[in-house]
Amino acid sequence: MAARTVAPFAFGDGGSLVTDLLLLRALARQRTGCRYFEIGTWRGESAANVAAEAATVHTLNLSAAEMRALGLPERYIELHGFFSRPLPNVTHLHGHSATFDLAGLGGPFDLIFIDGDHHYESVRRDTARVFEHLVSANTVVVWHDASRQPGQPRWEVLAGLLAGLPTGLPGQLVQVGNTLCALYSPQPLPVQPPDPLANPGQFEVEVKF
């Protein structure tokens, strides 16, 4: 089994699982000169992990002023992009995903991660806008928190992404085992029905401080 590293990883609230970040890194590694775009920066863990594999990373989040207007604590605002700000191939974009000029980013992108507001309407809107402006025939799209924990679907997110997908897409939508992610692939993938009583996957984890 090939060893892969996830770094940085904060073990903090609201972040991704180790396996979510492994998935994103593996997908970016498959694309030479990968262009990556994400909605939802938070501490910058996903952006920083993918930056180790991709040529360019663009991450979109509400601006500090927009977060202050929502009454969010100043320290919470300061932590956005904590891991990704120092990285030279990461571009931090500020604005609301509902109105930000996605078409002006010079898409399409090779890999897109949708991890913003997880309410139905927000997921529907973000999905529709991403597919309208940033997706090509070869783009892979990943949604975070499509499960509450591995094997337990988060129906509001799944309903929103299904409603936002364009009709007649040629690819395949799957939930990725051992992660919180759903994934759209333009090419068919090997799949199997979920089995909660199947033998568990075996991972080996080494933690360094």
Protein backbone atom coordinates (compact mmCIF):
# COMPACT_ATOMS: atom_id res chain seq x y z
CA MET A 1 0.00 0.00 0.00
CA ALA A 2 1.44 3.40 -0.98
CA ALA A 3 2.11 5.79 1.89
CA ARG A 4 0.71 9.31 1.47
CA THR A 5 1.02 12.33 3.72
CA VAL A 6 -1.67 14.78 4.77
CA ALA A 7 -0.17 18.07 5.92
CA PRO A 8 -1.24 20.34 7.40
CA PHE A 9 -3.97 18.80 9.54
CA ALA A 10 -5.28 20.60 12.62
CA PHE A 11 -7.73 18.08 14.14
CA GLY A 12 -10.01 21.12 14.55
CA ASP A 13 -13.72 21.79 14.43
CA GLY A 14 -15.33 22.19 11.03
CA GLY A 15 -12.48 20.68 9.07
CA SER A 16 -12.14 17.74 6.72
CA LEU A 17 -11.33 14.14 7.53
CA VAL A 18 -7.85 12.89 6.73
CA THR A 19 -9.40 10.75 4.01
CA ASP A 20 -11.15 13.79 2.48
CA LEU A 21 -7.79 15.51 2.08
CA LEU A 22 -6.18 12.34 0.76
CA LEU A 23 -8.92 12.20 -1.88
CA LEU A 24 -8.32 15.80 -2.97
CA ARG A 25 -4.56 15.32 -3.12
CA ALA A 26 -4.90 12.12 -5.15
CA LEU A 27 -7.27 13.76 -7.63
CA ALA A 28 -4.97 16.78 -8.05
CA ARG A 29 -1.97 14.50 -8.51
CA GLN A 30 -3.68 12.79 -11.44
CA ARG A 31 -3.80 16.04 -13.44
CA THR A 32 -0.55 17.46 -14.79
CA GLY A 33 -0.50 21.17 -14.03
CA CYS A 34 -3.74 20.86 -12.07
CA ARG A 35 -5.84 24.02 -11.64
CA TYR A 36 -7.87 23.75 -8.42
CA PHE A 37 -10.75 25.91 -7.21
CA GLU A 38 -12.66 25.69 -3.95
CA ILE A 39 -15.53 27.45 -2.21
CA GLY A 40 -14.94 27.74 1.53
CA THR A 41 -11.42 28.42 2.84
CA TRP A 42 -11.76 28.12 6.63
CA ARG A 43 -8.28 27.42 8.09
CA GLY A 44 -6.88 26.69 4.62
CA GLU A 45 -6.20 23.00 5.25
CA SER A 46 -7.71 21.77 1.99
CA ALA A 47 -6.09 24.56 -0.05
CA ALA A 48 -2.69 23.93 1.55
CA ASN A 49 -2.89 20.17 1.05
CA VAL A 50 -3.85 20.50 -2.61
CA ALA A 51 -1.20 23.18 -3.15
CA ALA A 52 1.42 20.48 -2.60
CA GLU A 53 0.08 18.64 -5.67
CA ALA A 54 -1.49 21.29 -7.92
CA ALA A 55 0.04 24.03 -10.03
CA THR A 56 -2.45 26.67 -8.90
CA VAL A 57 -5.04 26.88 -6.13
CA HIS A 58 -7.88 29.42 -5.93
CA THR A 59 -9.94 29.51 -2.74
CA LEU A 60 -13.04 31.69 -2.31
CA ASN A 61 -14.43 32.83 1.02
CA LEU A 62 -16.47 35.69 2.42
CA SER A 63 -14.39 38.80 3.01
CA ALA A 64 -13.49 39.89 6.54
CA ALA A 65 -16.03 42.72 6.24
CA GLU A 66 -18.78 40.31 5.20
CA MET A 67 -17.98 38.00 8.10
CA ARG A 68 -18.00 40.93 10.54
CA ALA A 69 -21.41 41.95 9.21
CA LEU A 70 -22.64 38.49 10.19
CA GLY A 71 -21.43 39.09 13.73
CA LEU A 72 -18.66 36.48 13.61
CA PRO A 73 -15.84 36.77 16.18
CA GLU A 74 -12.69 38.58 15.10
CA ARG A 75 -10.46 35.65 16.03
CA TYR A 76 -12.59 33.32 13.88
CA ILE A 77 -12.15 35.72 10.96
CA GLU A 78 -8.36 35.89 11.50
CA LEU A 79 -8.05 32.09 11.34
CA HIS A 80 -9.33 31.93 7.76
CA GLY A 81 -6.47 30.91 5.49
CA PHE A 82 -4.16 30.26 8.45
CA PHE A 83 -2.35 27.41 6.64
CA SER A 84 -2.76 28.58 3.04
CA ARG A 85 -1.87 32.29 3.21
CA PRO A 86 1.92 31.79 3.08
CA LEU A 87 1.84 29.53 0.01
CA PRO A 88 2.91 31.16 -3.29
CA ASN A 89 0.62 29.09 -5.55
CA VAL A 90 -2.54 29.82 -3.53
CA THR A 91 -4.74 32.78 -4.51
CA HIS A 92 -7.25 33.90 -1.86
CA LEU A 93 -10.45 35.31 -3.32
CA HIS A 94 -12.96 37.25 -1.22
CA GLY A 95 -16.68 37.53 -1.86
CA HIS A 96 -19.98 35.68 -1.70
CA SER A 97 -20.24 32.59 -3.88
CA ALA A 98 -23.72 33.71 -4.94
CA THR A 99 -22.43 36.87 -6.61
CA PHE A 100 -18.68 36.47 -7.14
CA ASP A 101 -17.58 36.77 -10.79
CA LEU A 102 -16.68 33.13 -11.40
CA ALA A 103 -16.57 33.67 -15.15
CA GLY A 104 -13.73 36.14 -14.61
CA LEU A 105 -11.44 33.47 -13.15
CA GLY A 106 -10.43 32.21 -16.57
CA GLY A 107 -11.85 28.75 -16.12
CA PRO A 108 -12.30 25.89 -16.56
CA PHE A 109 -10.56 24.20 -13.62
CA ASP A 110 -9.41 20.59 -13.40
CA LEU A 111 -10.62 19.98 -9.84
CA ILE A 112 -13.29 21.84 -7.86
CA PHE A 113 -14.17 21.45 -4.17
CA ILE A 114 -17.52 22.86 -2.98
CA ASP A 115 -17.38 23.34 0.79
CA GLY A 116 -19.31 26.52 1.53
CA ASP A 117 -22.71 26.89 3.18
CA HIS A 118 -24.27 23.43 3.38
CA HIS A 119 -27.94 24.45 3.36
CA TYR A 120 -29.96 23.15 0.42
CA GLU A 121 -30.31 26.42 -1.48
CA SER A 122 -26.66 27.35 -1.08
CA VAL A 123 -25.47 23.94 -2.30
CA ARG A 124 -27.90 24.09 -5.23
CA ARG A 125 -26.76 27.58 -6.21
CA ASP A 126 -23.02 26.92 -5.79
CA THR A 127 -23.33 23.72 -7.82
CA ALA A 128 -25.25 25.41 -10.63
CA ARG A 129 -22.83 28.36 -10.83
CA VAL A 130 -19.72 26.18 -10.76
CA PHE A 131 -21.01 23.98 -13.57
CA GLU A 132 -22.06 27.03 -15.59
CA HIS A 133 -18.74 28.89 -15.39
CA LEU A 134 -15.88 26.61 -14.30
CA VAL A 135 -16.51 23.03 -15.44
CA SER A 136 -15.20 21.50 -18.66
CA ALA A 137 -15.68 18.03 -20.10
CA ASN A 138 -12.74 16.84 -17.96
CA THR A 139 -13.43 18.57 -14.65
CA VAL A 140 -13.88 16.57 -11.44
CA VAL A 141 -16.14 18.17 -8.80
CA VAL A 142 -16.15 17.19 -5.12
CA TRP A 143 -18.72 18.25 -2.51
CA HIS A 144 -17.78 18.18 1.16
CA ASP A 145 -20.15 17.16 3.96
CA ALA A 146 -22.34 15.11 1.64
CA SER A 147 -22.28 12.67 4.57
CA ARG A 148 -22.53 13.45 8.27
CA GLN A 149 -19.98 10.73 8.84
CA PRO A 150 -18.83 8.01 6.44
CA GLY A 151 -21.82 5.91 5.47
CA GLN A 152 -24.44 8.37 6.77
CA PRO A 153 -25.71 10.60 3.93
CA ARG A 154 -26.47 14.24 4.60
CA TRP A 155 -29.68 14.46 2.60
CA GLU A 156 -29.95 18.25 2.47
CA VAL A 157 -26.57 18.51 0.76
CA LEU A 158 -27.29 15.63 -1.62
CA ALA A 159 -30.66 17.12 -2.57
CA GLY A 160 -29.05 20.51 -3.19
CA LEU A 161 -26.29 19.21 -5.42
CA LEU A 162 -28.70 17.05 -7.40
CA ALA A 163 -30.95 20.06 -7.95
CA GLY A 164 -28.01 22.18 -9.06
CA LEU A 165 -26.50 19.75 -11.55
CA PRO A 166 -27.22 20.48 -15.22
CA THR A 167 -29.46 18.00 -16.97
CA GLY A 168 -27.96 15.48 -19.35
CA LEU A 169 -24.50 15.27 -17.79
CA PRO A 170 -22.54 12.36 -19.27
CA GLY A 171 -20.57 11.55 -16.13
CA GLN A 172 -21.21 9.79 -12.87
CA LEU A 173 -22.07 10.96 -9.35
CA VAL A 174 -20.83 8.83 -6.45
CA GLN A 175 -20.38 8.99 -2.70
CA VAL A 176 -16.77 8.20 -1.84
CA GLY A 177 -16.33 5.51 0.80
CA ASN A 178 -14.48 6.37 4.05
CA THR A 179 -14.95 10.09 3.39
CA LEU A 180 -17.60 12.80 3.80
CA CYS A 181 -17.47 13.54 0.07
CA ALA A 182 -19.62 13.14 -3.01
CA LEU A 183 -17.86 13.27 -6.37
CA TYR A 184 -18.80 13.96 -9.98
CA SER A 185 -16.52 12.26 -12.50
CA PRO A 186 -16.83 12.89 -16.24
CA GLN A 187 -15.72 9.29 -16.79
CA PRO A 188 -17.34 6.17 -15.30
CA LEU A 189 -15.84 4.89 -12.06
CA PRO A 190 -15.89 1.43 -10.47
CA VAL A 191 -18.67 1.49 -7.87
CA GLN A 192 -20.44 -0.86 -5.51
CA PRO A 193 -23.59 -0.53 -3.38
CA PRO A 194 -22.96 0.66 0.18
CA ASP A 195 -22.81 -2.13 2.75
CA PRO A 196 -22.66 -0.96 6.38
CA LEU A 197 -21.69 -4.47 7.47
CA ALA A 198 -18.82 -4.93 5.03
CA ASN A 199 -15.30 -5.44 6.35
CA PRO A 200 -13.90 -2.03 7.36
CA GLY A 201 -11.09 -0.40 5.44
CA GLN A 202 -7.69 -0.59 7.09
CA PHE A 203 -5.61 2.57 7.34
CA GLU A 204 -2.38 3.19 9.20
CA VAL A 205 -2.05 6.64 10.74
CA GLU A 206 1.15 8.26 12.00
CA VAL A 207 0.81 11.58 13.82
CA LYS A 208 3.73 14.02 14.06
CA PHE A 209 3.74 17.25 16.03
